[in-house]
Amino acid sequence: GVLEYVGAAMELGLPTDRLREAGRNLESQIAEQVAATPDVA
């Protein structure tokens, strides 16, 4: 999100591919943890 906003404001092409992949992996881990914890869900 930071790189998107500042990149758009400064008209730059900033690297996000690695972070996006890490984010997708984390999302699946969070989904598993939320599903396993009713209070958090």
ModelCIF file with pLDDT and N, C-alpha, C, O atoms, coordinates in Angstrom:
data_MODEL
#
_entry.id   MODEL 
#
_entity.id                         1 
_entity.type                       polymer 
_entity.pdbx_number_of_molecules   1 
#
_entity_poly.entity_id                      1 
_entity_poly.type                           'polypeptide(L)' 
_entity_poly.nstd_linkage                   no 
_entity_poly.nstd_monomer                   no 
_entity_poly.pdbx_seq_one_letter_code       GVLEYVGAAMELGLPTDRLREAGRNLESQIAEQVAATPDVA 
_entity_poly.pdbx_seq_one_letter_code_can   GVLEYVGAAMELGLPTDRLREAGRNLESQIAEQVAATPDVA 
_entity_poly.pdbx_strand_id                 A 
#
loop_
_entity_poly_seq.entity_id 
_entity_poly_seq.num 
_entity_poly_seq.mon_id 
_entity_poly_seq.hetero 
1 1  GLY n 
1 2  VAL n 
1 3  LEU n 
1 4  GLU n 
1 5  TYR n 
1 6  VAL n 
1 7  GLY n 
1 8  ALA n 
1 9  ALA n 
1 10 MET n 
1 11 GLU n 
1 12 LEU n 
1 13 GLY n 
1 14 LEU n 
1 15 PRO n 
1 16 THR n 
1 17 ASP n 
1 18 ARG n 
1 19 LEU n 
1 20 ARG n 
1 21 GLU n 
1 22 ALA n 
1 23 GLY n 
1 24 ARG n 
1 25 ASN n 
1 26 LEU n 
1 27 GLU n 
1 28 SER n 
1 29 GLN n 
1 30 ILE n 
1 31 ALA n 
1 32 GLU n 
1 33 GLN n 
1 34 VAL n 
1 35 ALA n 
1 36 ALA n 
1 37 THR n 
1 38 PRO n 
1 39 ASP n 
1 40 VAL n 
1 41 ALA n 
#
_struct_asym.id          A 
_struct_asym.entity_id   1 
#
loop_
_ma_qa_metric.id 
_ma_qa_metric.mode 
_ma_qa_metric.name 
_ma_qa_metric.software_group_id 
_ma_qa_metric.type 
1 global pLDDT . pLDDT 
2 local  pLDDT . pLDDT 
#
_ma_qa_metric_global.metric_id      1 
_ma_qa_metric_global.metric_value   92.32 
_ma_qa_metric_global.model_id       1 
_ma_qa_metric_global.ordinal_id     1 
#
loop_
_ma_qa_metric_local.label_asym_id 
_ma_qa_metric_local.label_comp_id 
_ma_qa_metric_local.label_seq_id 
_ma_qa_metric_local.metric_id 
_ma_qa_metric_local.metric_value 
_ma_qa_metric_local.model_id 
_ma_qa_metric_local.ordinal_id 
A GLY 1  2 96.00 1 1  
A VAL 2  2 96.00 1 2  
A LEU 3  2 97.00 1 3  
A GLU 4  2 96.00 1 4  
A TYR 5  2 96.00 1 5  
A VAL 6  2 97.00 1 6  
A GLY 7  2 96.00 1 7  
A ALA 8  2 95.00 1 8  
A ALA 9  2 96.00 1 9  
A MET 10 2 97.00 1 10 
A GLU 11 2 95.00 1 11 
A LEU 12 2 96.00 1 12 
A GLY 13 2 94.00 1 13 
A LEU 14 2 95.00 1 14 
A PRO 15 2 94.00 1 15 
A THR 16 2 95.00 1 16 
A ASP 17 2 94.00 1 17 
A ARG 18 2 95.00 1 18 
A LEU 19 2 96.00 1 19 
A ARG 20 2 94.00 1 20 
A GLU 21 2 95.00 1 21 
A ALA 22 2 94.00 1 22 
A GLY 23 2 93.00 1 23 
A ARG 24 2 92.00 1 24 
A ASN 25 2 92.00 1 25 
A LEU 26 2 92.00 1 26 
A GLU 27 2 89.00 1 27 
A SER 28 2 89.00 1 28 
A GLN 29 2 90.00 1 29 
A ILE 30 2 91.00 1 30 
A ALA 31 2 89.00 1 31 
A GLU 32 2 88.00 1 32 
A GLN 33 2 86.00 1 33 
A VAL 34 2 87.00 1 34 
A ALA 35 2 87.00 1 35 
A ALA 36 2 88.00 1 36 
A THR 37 2 87.00 1 37 
A PRO 38 2 87.00 1 38 
A ASP 39 2 87.00 1 39 
A VAL 40 2 85.00 1 40 
A ALA 41 2 87.00 1 41 
#
loop_
_atom_site.group_PDB 
_atom_site.id 
_atom_site.type_symbol 
_atom_site.label_atom_id 
_atom_site.label_alt_id 
_atom_site.label_comp_id 
_atom_site.label_asym_id 
_atom_site.label_entity_id 
_atom_site.label_seq_id 
_atom_site.pdbx_PDB_ins_code 
_atom_site.Cartn_x 
_atom_site.Cartn_y 
_atom_site.Cartn_z 
_atom_site.occupancy 
_atom_site.B_iso_or_equiv 
_atom_site.pdbx_formal_charge 
_atom_site.auth_seq_id 
_atom_site.auth_comp_id 
_atom_site.auth_asym_id 
_atom_site.auth_atom_id 
_atom_site.pdbx_PDB_model_num 
ATOM 1   N N  . GLY A 1 1  ? 0.814   -1.214  0.000   1.00 96.00 ? 1  GLY A N  1 
ATOM 2   C CA . GLY A 1 1  ? 0.000   0.000   0.000   1.00 96.00 ? 1  GLY A CA 1 
ATOM 3   C C  . GLY A 1 1  ? 0.843   1.259   0.000   1.00 96.00 ? 1  GLY A C  1 
ATOM 4   O O  . GLY A 1 1  ? 0.559   2.196   -0.746  1.00 96.00 ? 1  GLY A O  1 
ATOM 5   N N  . VAL A 1 2  ? 1.882   1.292   0.831   1.00 96.00 ? 2  VAL A N  1 
ATOM 6   C CA . VAL A 1 2  ? 2.779   2.448   0.865   1.00 96.00 ? 2  VAL A CA 1 
ATOM 7   C C  . VAL A 1 2  ? 3.393   2.695   -0.506  1.00 96.00 ? 2  VAL A C  1 
ATOM 8   O O  . VAL A 1 2  ? 3.374   3.820   -1.006  1.00 96.00 ? 2  VAL A O  1 
ATOM 9   N N  . LEU A 1 3  ? 3.936   1.645   -1.113  1.00 97.00 ? 3  LEU A N  1 
ATOM 10  C CA . LEU A 1 3  ? 4.610   1.801   -2.396  1.00 97.00 ? 3  LEU A CA 1 
ATOM 11  C C  . LEU A 1 3  ? 3.648   2.221   -3.504  1.00 97.00 ? 3  LEU A C  1 
ATOM 12  O O  . LEU A 1 3  ? 4.037   2.940   -4.424  1.00 97.00 ? 3  LEU A O  1 
ATOM 13  N N  . GLU A 1 4  ? 2.397   1.777   -3.419  1.00 96.00 ? 4  GLU A N  1 
ATOM 14  C CA . GLU A 1 4  ? 1.407   2.201   -4.405  1.00 96.00 ? 4  GLU A CA 1 
ATOM 15  C C  . GLU A 1 4  ? 1.117   3.695   -4.289  1.00 96.00 ? 4  GLU A C  1 
ATOM 16  O O  . GLU A 1 4  ? 1.121   4.416   -5.287  1.00 96.00 ? 4  GLU A O  1 
ATOM 17  N N  . TYR A 1 5  ? 0.868   4.149   -3.068  1.00 96.00 ? 5  TYR A N  1 
ATOM 18  C CA . TYR A 1 5  ? 0.514   5.559   -2.883  1.00 96.00 ? 5  TYR A CA 1 
ATOM 19  C C  . TYR A 1 5  ? 1.673   6.493   -3.206  1.00 96.00 ? 5  TYR A C  1 
ATOM 20  O O  . TYR A 1 5  ? 1.504   7.457   -3.953  1.00 96.00 ? 5  TYR A O  1 
ATOM 21  N N  . VAL A 1 6  ? 2.845   6.216   -2.649  1.00 97.00 ? 6  VAL A N  1 
ATOM 22  C CA . VAL A 1 6  ? 3.957   7.127   -2.895  1.00 97.00 ? 6  VAL A CA 1 
ATOM 23  C C  . VAL A 1 6  ? 4.426   7.023   -4.341  1.00 97.00 ? 6  VAL A C  1 
ATOM 24  O O  . VAL A 1 6  ? 4.853   8.018   -4.927  1.00 97.00 ? 6  VAL A O  1 
ATOM 25  N N  . GLY A 1 7  ? 4.350   5.821   -4.921  1.00 96.00 ? 7  GLY A N  1 
ATOM 26  C CA . GLY A 1 7  ? 4.726   5.671   -6.317  1.00 96.00 ? 7  GLY A CA 1 
ATOM 27  C C  . GLY A 1 7  ? 3.820   6.457   -7.240  1.00 96.00 ? 7  GLY A C  1 
ATOM 28  O O  . GLY A 1 7  ? 4.288   7.076   -8.196  1.00 96.00 ? 7  GLY A O  1 
ATOM 29  N N  . ALA A 1 8  ? 2.514   6.436   -6.960  1.00 95.00 ? 8  ALA A N  1 
ATOM 30  C CA . ALA A 1 8  ? 1.575   7.204   -7.779  1.00 95.00 ? 8  ALA A CA 1 
ATOM 31  C C  . ALA A 1 8  ? 1.799   8.703   -7.607  1.00 95.00 ? 8  ALA A C  1 
ATOM 32  O O  . ALA A 1 8  ? 1.767   9.447   -8.588  1.00 95.00 ? 8  ALA A O  1 
ATOM 33  N N  . ALA A 1 9  ? 2.026   9.158   -6.369  1.00 96.00 ? 9  ALA A N  1 
ATOM 34  C CA . ALA A 1 9  ? 2.230   10.587  -6.115  1.00 96.00 ? 9  ALA A CA 1 
ATOM 35  C C  . ALA A 1 9  ? 3.503   11.098  -6.780  1.00 96.00 ? 9  ALA A C  1 
ATOM 36  O O  . ALA A 1 9  ? 3.537   12.217  -7.292  1.00 96.00 ? 9  ALA A O  1 
ATOM 37  N N  . MET A 1 10 ? 4.552   10.271  -6.771  1.00 97.00 ? 10 MET A N  1 
ATOM 38  C CA . MET A 1 10 ? 5.853   10.684  -7.308  1.00 97.00 ? 10 MET A CA 1 
ATOM 39  C C  . MET A 1 10 ? 6.069   10.224  -8.751  1.00 97.00 ? 10 MET A C  1 
ATOM 40  O O  . MET A 1 10 ? 7.127   10.465  -9.332  1.00 97.00 ? 10 MET A O  1 
ATOM 41  N N  . GLU A 1 11 ? 5.055   9.558   -9.328  1.00 95.00 ? 11 GLU A N  1 
ATOM 42  C CA . GLU A 1 11 ? 5.114   9.059   -10.701 1.00 95.00 ? 11 GLU A CA 1 
ATOM 43  C C  . GLU A 1 11 ? 6.315   8.140   -10.901 1.00 95.00 ? 11 GLU A C  1 
ATOM 44  O O  . GLU A 1 11 ? 7.098   8.300   -11.838 1.00 95.00 ? 11 GLU A O  1 
ATOM 45  N N  . LEU A 1 12 ? 6.436   7.174   -9.992  1.00 96.00 ? 12 LEU A N  1 
ATOM 46  C CA . LEU A 1 12 ? 7.531   6.220   -10.031 1.00 96.00 ? 12 LEU A CA 1 
ATOM 47  C C  . LEU A 1 12 ? 6.990   4.801   -10.191 1.00 96.00 ? 12 LEU A C  1 
ATOM 48  O O  . LEU A 1 12 ? 5.854   4.514   -9.814  1.00 96.00 ? 12 LEU A O  1 
ATOM 49  N N  . GLY A 1 13 ? 7.808   3.926   -10.749 1.00 94.00 ? 13 GLY A N  1 
ATOM 50  C CA . GLY A 1 13 ? 7.493   2.509   -10.792 1.00 94.00 ? 13 GLY A CA 1 
ATOM 51  C C  . GLY A 1 13 ? 8.290   1.809   -9.711  1.00 94.00 ? 13 GLY A C  1 
ATOM 52  O O  . GLY A 1 13 ? 9.479   1.547   -9.892  1.00 94.00 ? 13 GLY A O  1 
ATOM 53  N N  . LEU A 1 14 ? 7.657   1.502   -8.591  1.00 95.00 ? 14 LEU A N  1 
ATOM 54  C CA . LEU A 1 14 ? 8.359   0.934   -7.442  1.00 95.00 ? 14 LEU A CA 1 
ATOM 55  C C  . LEU A 1 14 ? 8.076   -0.565  -7.331  1.00 95.00 ? 14 LEU A C  1 
ATOM 56  O O  . LEU A 1 14 ? 6.982   -1.009  -7.680  1.00 95.00 ? 14 LEU A O  1 
ATOM 57  N N  . PRO A 1 15 ? 9.037   -1.348  -6.854  1.00 94.00 ? 15 PRO A N  1 
ATOM 58  C CA . PRO A 1 15 ? 8.904   -2.811  -6.852  1.00 94.00 ? 15 PRO A CA 1 
ATOM 59  C C  . PRO A 1 15 ? 7.936   -3.306  -5.783  1.00 94.00 ? 15 PRO A C  1 
ATOM 60  O O  . PRO A 1 15 ? 8.052   -2.941  -4.613  1.00 94.00 ? 15 PRO A O  1 
ATOM 61  N N  . THR A 1 16 ? 6.974   -4.145  -6.194  1.00 95.00 ? 16 THR A N  1 
ATOM 62  C CA . THR A 1 16 ? 6.018   -4.715  -5.240  1.00 95.00 ? 16 THR A CA 1 
ATOM 63  C C  . THR A 1 16 ? 5.806   -6.213  -5.419  1.00 95.00 ? 16 THR A C  1 
ATOM 64  O O  . THR A 1 16 ? 5.119   -6.828  -4.604  1.00 95.00 ? 16 THR A O  1 
ATOM 65  N N  . ASP A 1 17 ? 6.370   -6.815  -6.451  1.00 94.00 ? 17 ASP A N  1 
ATOM 66  C CA . ASP A 1 17 ? 6.067   -8.218  -6.761  1.00 94.00 ? 17 ASP A CA 1 
ATOM 67  C C  . ASP A 1 17 ? 6.397   -9.148  -5.592  1.00 94.00 ? 17 ASP A C  1 
ATOM 68  O O  . ASP A 1 17 ? 5.575   -9.984  -5.218  1.00 94.00 ? 17 ASP A O  1 
ATOM 69  N N  . ARG A 1 18 ? 7.575   -9.011  -5.023  1.00 95.00 ? 18 ARG A N  1 
ATOM 70  C CA . ARG A 1 18 ? 7.974   -9.901  -3.937  1.00 95.00 ? 18 ARG A CA 1 
ATOM 71  C C  . ARG A 1 18 ? 7.058   -9.720  -2.728  1.00 95.00 ? 18 ARG A C  1 
ATOM 72  O O  . ARG A 1 18 ? 6.679   -10.694 -2.076  1.00 95.00 ? 18 ARG A O  1 
ATOM 73  N N  . LEU A 1 19 ? 6.707   -8.479  -2.438  1.00 96.00 ? 19 LEU A N  1 
ATOM 74  C CA . LEU A 1 19 ? 5.833   -8.195  -1.294  1.00 96.00 ? 19 LEU A CA 1 
ATOM 75  C C  . LEU A 1 19 ? 4.428   -8.742  -1.537  1.00 96.00 ? 19 LEU A C  1 
ATOM 76  O O  . LEU A 1 19 ? 3.786   -9.242  -0.614  1.00 96.00 ? 19 LEU A O  1 
ATOM 77  N N  . ARG A 1 20 ? 3.954   -8.648  -2.767  1.00 94.00 ? 20 ARG A N  1 
ATOM 78  C CA . ARG A 1 20 ? 2.621   -9.181  -3.077  1.00 94.00 ? 20 ARG A CA 1 
ATOM 79  C C  . ARG A 1 20 ? 2.585   -10.699 -2.871  1.00 94.00 ? 20 ARG A C  1 
ATOM 80  O O  . ARG A 1 20 ? 1.618   -11.238 -2.331  1.00 94.00 ? 20 ARG A O  1 
ATOM 81  N N  . GLU A 1 21 ? 3.636   -11.371 -3.302  1.00 95.00 ? 21 GLU A N  1 
ATOM 82  C CA . GLU A 1 21 ? 3.692   -12.819 -3.130  1.00 95.00 ? 21 GLU A CA 1 
ATOM 83  C C  . GLU A 1 21 ? 3.734   -13.171 -1.646  1.00 95.00 ? 21 GLU A C  1 
ATOM 84  O O  . GLU A 1 21 ? 3.052   -14.096 -1.205  1.00 95.00 ? 21 GLU A O  1 
ATOM 85  N N  . ALA A 1 22 ? 4.536   -12.432 -0.875  1.00 94.00 ? 22 ALA A N  1 
ATOM 86  C CA . ALA A 1 22 ? 4.597   -12.676 0.570   1.00 94.00 ? 22 ALA A CA 1 
ATOM 87  C C  . ALA A 1 22 ? 3.239   -12.406 1.204   1.00 94.00 ? 22 ALA A C  1 
ATOM 88  O O  . ALA A 1 22 ? 2.830   -13.113 2.125   1.00 94.00 ? 22 ALA A O  1 
ATOM 89  N N  . GLY A 1 23 ? 2.535   -11.376 0.712   1.00 93.00 ? 23 GLY A N  1 
ATOM 90  C CA . GLY A 1 23 ? 1.212   -11.059 1.238   1.00 93.00 ? 23 GLY A CA 1 
ATOM 91  C C  . GLY A 1 23 ? 0.203   -12.155 0.968   1.00 93.00 ? 23 GLY A C  1 
ATOM 92  O O  . GLY A 1 23 ? -0.625  -12.467 1.825   1.00 93.00 ? 23 GLY A O  1 
ATOM 93  N N  . ARG A 1 24 ? 0.266   -12.751 -0.237  1.00 92.00 ? 24 ARG A N  1 
ATOM 94  C CA . ARG A 1 24 ? -0.655  -13.845 -0.557  1.00 92.00 ? 24 ARG A CA 1 
ATOM 95  C C  . ARG A 1 24 ? -0.409  -15.043 0.353   1.00 92.00 ? 24 ARG A C  1 
ATOM 96  O O  . ARG A 1 24 ? -1.354  -15.675 0.825   1.00 92.00 ? 24 ARG A O  1 
ATOM 97  N N  . ASN A 1 25 ? 0.860   -15.353 0.596   1.00 92.00 ? 25 ASN A N  1 
ATOM 98  C CA . ASN A 1 25 ? 1.176   -16.466 1.494   1.00 92.00 ? 25 ASN A CA 1 
ATOM 99  C C  . ASN A 1 25 ? 0.673   -16.190 2.910   1.00 92.00 ? 25 ASN A C  1 
ATOM 100 O O  . ASN A 1 25 ? 0.142   -17.080 3.575   1.00 92.00 ? 25 ASN A O  1 
ATOM 101 N N  . LEU A 1 26 ? 0.846   -14.951 3.362   1.00 92.00 ? 26 LEU A N  1 
ATOM 102 C CA . LEU A 1 26 ? 0.407   -14.603 4.708   1.00 92.00 ? 26 LEU A CA 1 
ATOM 103 C C  . LEU A 1 26 ? -1.115  -14.656 4.820   1.00 92.00 ? 26 LEU A C  1 
ATOM 104 O O  . LEU A 1 26 ? -1.643  -15.081 5.847   1.00 92.00 ? 26 LEU A O  1 
ATOM 105 N N  . GLU A 1 27 ? -1.817  -14.233 3.785   1.00 89.00 ? 27 GLU A N  1 
ATOM 106 C CA . GLU A 1 27 ? -3.281  -14.254 3.820   1.00 89.00 ? 27 GLU A CA 1 
ATOM 107 C C  . GLU A 1 27 ? -3.808  -15.659 4.071   1.00 89.00 ? 27 GLU A C  1 
ATOM 108 O O  . GLU A 1 27 ? -4.749  -15.843 4.842   1.00 89.00 ? 27 GLU A O  1 
ATOM 109 N N  . SER A 1 28 ? -3.206  -16.649 3.424   1.00 89.00 ? 28 SER A N  1 
ATOM 110 C CA . SER A 1 28 ? -3.682  -18.022 3.622   1.00 89.00 ? 28 SER A CA 1 
ATOM 111 C C  . SER A 1 28 ? -3.385  -18.496 5.043   1.00 89.00 ? 28 SER A C  1 
ATOM 112 O O  . SER A 1 28 ? -4.176  -19.235 5.629   1.00 89.00 ? 28 SER A O  1 
ATOM 113 N N  . GLN A 1 29 ? -2.247  -18.073 5.601   1.00 90.00 ? 29 GLN A N  1 
ATOM 114 C CA . GLN A 1 29 ? -1.927  -18.441 6.984   1.00 90.00 ? 29 GLN A CA 1 
ATOM 115 C C  . GLN A 1 29 ? -2.897  -17.787 7.968   1.00 90.00 ? 29 GLN A C  1 
ATOM 116 O O  . GLN A 1 29 ? -3.349  -18.420 8.922   1.00 90.00 ? 29 GLN A O  1 
ATOM 117 N N  . ILE A 1 30 ? -3.209  -16.516 7.725   1.00 91.00 ? 30 ILE A N  1 
ATOM 118 C CA . ILE A 1 30 ? -4.143  -15.810 8.606   1.00 91.00 ? 30 ILE A CA 1 
ATOM 119 C C  . ILE A 1 30 ? -5.521  -16.462 8.534   1.00 91.00 ? 30 ILE A C  1 
ATOM 120 O O  . ILE A 1 30 ? -6.182  -16.641 9.557   1.00 91.00 ? 30 ILE A O  1 
ATOM 121 N N  . ALA A 1 31 ? -5.953  -16.817 7.317   1.00 89.00 ? 31 ALA A N  1 
ATOM 122 C CA . ALA A 1 31 ? -7.267  -17.439 7.151   1.00 89.00 ? 31 ALA A CA 1 
ATOM 123 C C  . ALA A 1 31 ? -7.345  -18.742 7.942   1.00 89.00 ? 31 ALA A C  1 
ATOM 124 O O  . ALA A 1 31 ? -8.369  -19.026 8.564   1.00 89.00 ? 31 ALA A O  1 
ATOM 125 N N  . GLU A 1 32 ? -6.283  -19.531 7.925   1.00 88.00 ? 32 GLU A N  1 
ATOM 126 C CA . GLU A 1 32 ? -6.269  -20.784 8.688   1.00 88.00 ? 32 GLU A CA 1 
ATOM 127 C C  . GLU A 1 32 ? -6.349  -20.520 10.183  1.00 88.00 ? 32 GLU A C  1 
ATOM 128 O O  . GLU A 1 32 ? -7.077  -21.205 10.901  1.00 88.00 ? 32 GLU A O  1 
ATOM 129 N N  . GLN A 1 33 ? -5.599  -19.527 10.651  1.00 86.00 ? 33 GLN A N  1 
ATOM 130 C CA . GLN A 1 33 ? -5.598  -19.217 12.081  1.00 86.00 ? 33 GLN A CA 1 
ATOM 131 C C  . GLN A 1 33 ? -6.944  -18.674 12.540  1.00 86.00 ? 33 GLN A C  1 
ATOM 132 O O  . GLN A 1 33 ? -7.426  -19.019 13.619  1.00 86.00 ? 33 GLN A O  1 
ATOM 133 N N  . VAL A 1 34 ? -7.552  -17.818 11.710  1.00 87.00 ? 34 VAL A N  1 
ATOM 134 C CA . VAL A 1 34 ? -8.867  -17.258 12.063  1.00 87.00 ? 34 VAL A CA 1 
ATOM 135 C C  . VAL A 1 34 ? -9.905  -18.381 12.123  1.00 87.00 ? 34 VAL A C  1 
ATOM 136 O O  . VAL A 1 34 ? -10.713 -18.443 13.050  1.00 87.00 ? 34 VAL A O  1 
ATOM 137 N N  . ALA A 1 35 ? -9.875  -19.263 11.129  1.00 87.00 ? 35 ALA A N  1 
ATOM 138 C CA . ALA A 1 35 ? -10.846 -20.363 11.098  1.00 87.00 ? 35 ALA A CA 1 
ATOM 139 C C  . ALA A 1 35 ? -10.694 -21.279 12.300  1.00 87.00 ? 35 ALA A C  1 
ATOM 140 O O  . ALA A 1 35 ? -11.665 -21.889 12.747  1.00 87.00 ? 35 ALA A O  1 
ATOM 141 N N  . ALA A 1 36 ? -9.476  -21.378 12.824  1.00 88.00 ? 36 ALA A N  1 
ATOM 142 C CA . ALA A 1 36 ? -9.233  -22.284 13.946  1.00 88.00 ? 36 ALA A CA 1 
ATOM 143 C C  . ALA A 1 36 ? -9.488  -21.631 15.302  1.00 88.00 ? 36 ALA A C  1 
ATOM 144 O O  . ALA A 1 36 ? -9.401  -22.296 16.334  1.00 88.00 ? 36 ALA A O  1 
ATOM 145 N N  . THR A 1 37 ? -9.805  -20.323 15.311  1.00 87.00 ? 37 THR A N  1 
ATOM 146 C CA . THR A 1 37 ? -9.994  -19.597 16.577  1.00 87.00 ? 37 THR A CA 1 
ATOM 147 C C  . THR A 1 37 ? -11.323 -18.855 16.533  1.00 87.00 ? 37 THR A C  1 
ATOM 148 O O  . THR A 1 37 ? -11.387 -17.747 16.001  1.00 87.00 ? 37 THR A O  1 
ATOM 149 N N  . PRO A 1 38 ? -12.399 -19.447 17.086  1.00 87.00 ? 38 PRO A N  1 
ATOM 150 C CA . PRO A 1 38 ? -13.730 -18.841 16.995  1.00 87.00 ? 38 PRO A CA 1 
ATOM 151 C C  . PRO A 1 38 ? -13.794 -17.404 17.523  1.00 87.00 ? 38 PRO A C  1 
ATOM 152 O O  . PRO A 1 38 ? -14.487 -16.571 16.939  1.00 87.00 ? 38 PRO A O  1 
ATOM 153 N N  . ASP A 1 39 ? -13.093 -17.102 18.606  1.00 87.00 ? 39 ASP A N  1 
ATOM 154 C CA . ASP A 1 39 ? -13.137 -15.739 19.150  1.00 87.00 ? 39 ASP A CA 1 
ATOM 155 C C  . ASP A 1 39 ? -12.556 -14.732 18.166  1.00 87.00 ? 39 ASP A C  1 
ATOM 156 O O  . ASP A 1 39 ? -13.100 -13.641 17.990  1.00 87.00 ? 39 ASP A O  1 
ATOM 157 N N  . VAL A 1 40 ? -11.459 -15.099 17.531  1.00 85.00 ? 40 VAL A N  1 
ATOM 158 C CA . VAL A 1 40 ? -10.847 -14.208 16.541  1.00 85.00 ? 40 VAL A CA 1 
ATOM 159 C C  . VAL A 1 40 ? -11.762 -14.079 15.325  1.00 85.00 ? 40 VAL A C  1 
ATOM 160 O O  . VAL A 1 40 ? -11.909 -12.992 14.767  1.00 85.00 ? 40 VAL A O  1 
ATOM 161 N N  . ALA A 1 41 ? -12.370 -15.181 14.919  1.00 87.00 ? 41 ALA A N  1 
ATOM 162 C CA . ALA A 1 41 ? -13.282 -15.134 13.771  1.00 87.00 ? 41 ALA A CA 1 
ATOM 163 C C  . ALA A 1 41 ? -14.441 -14.187 14.031  1.00 87.00 ? 41 ALA A C  1 
ATOM 164 O O  . ALA A 1 41 ? -15.308 -14.022 13.173  1.00 87.00 ? 41 ALA A O  1 
#
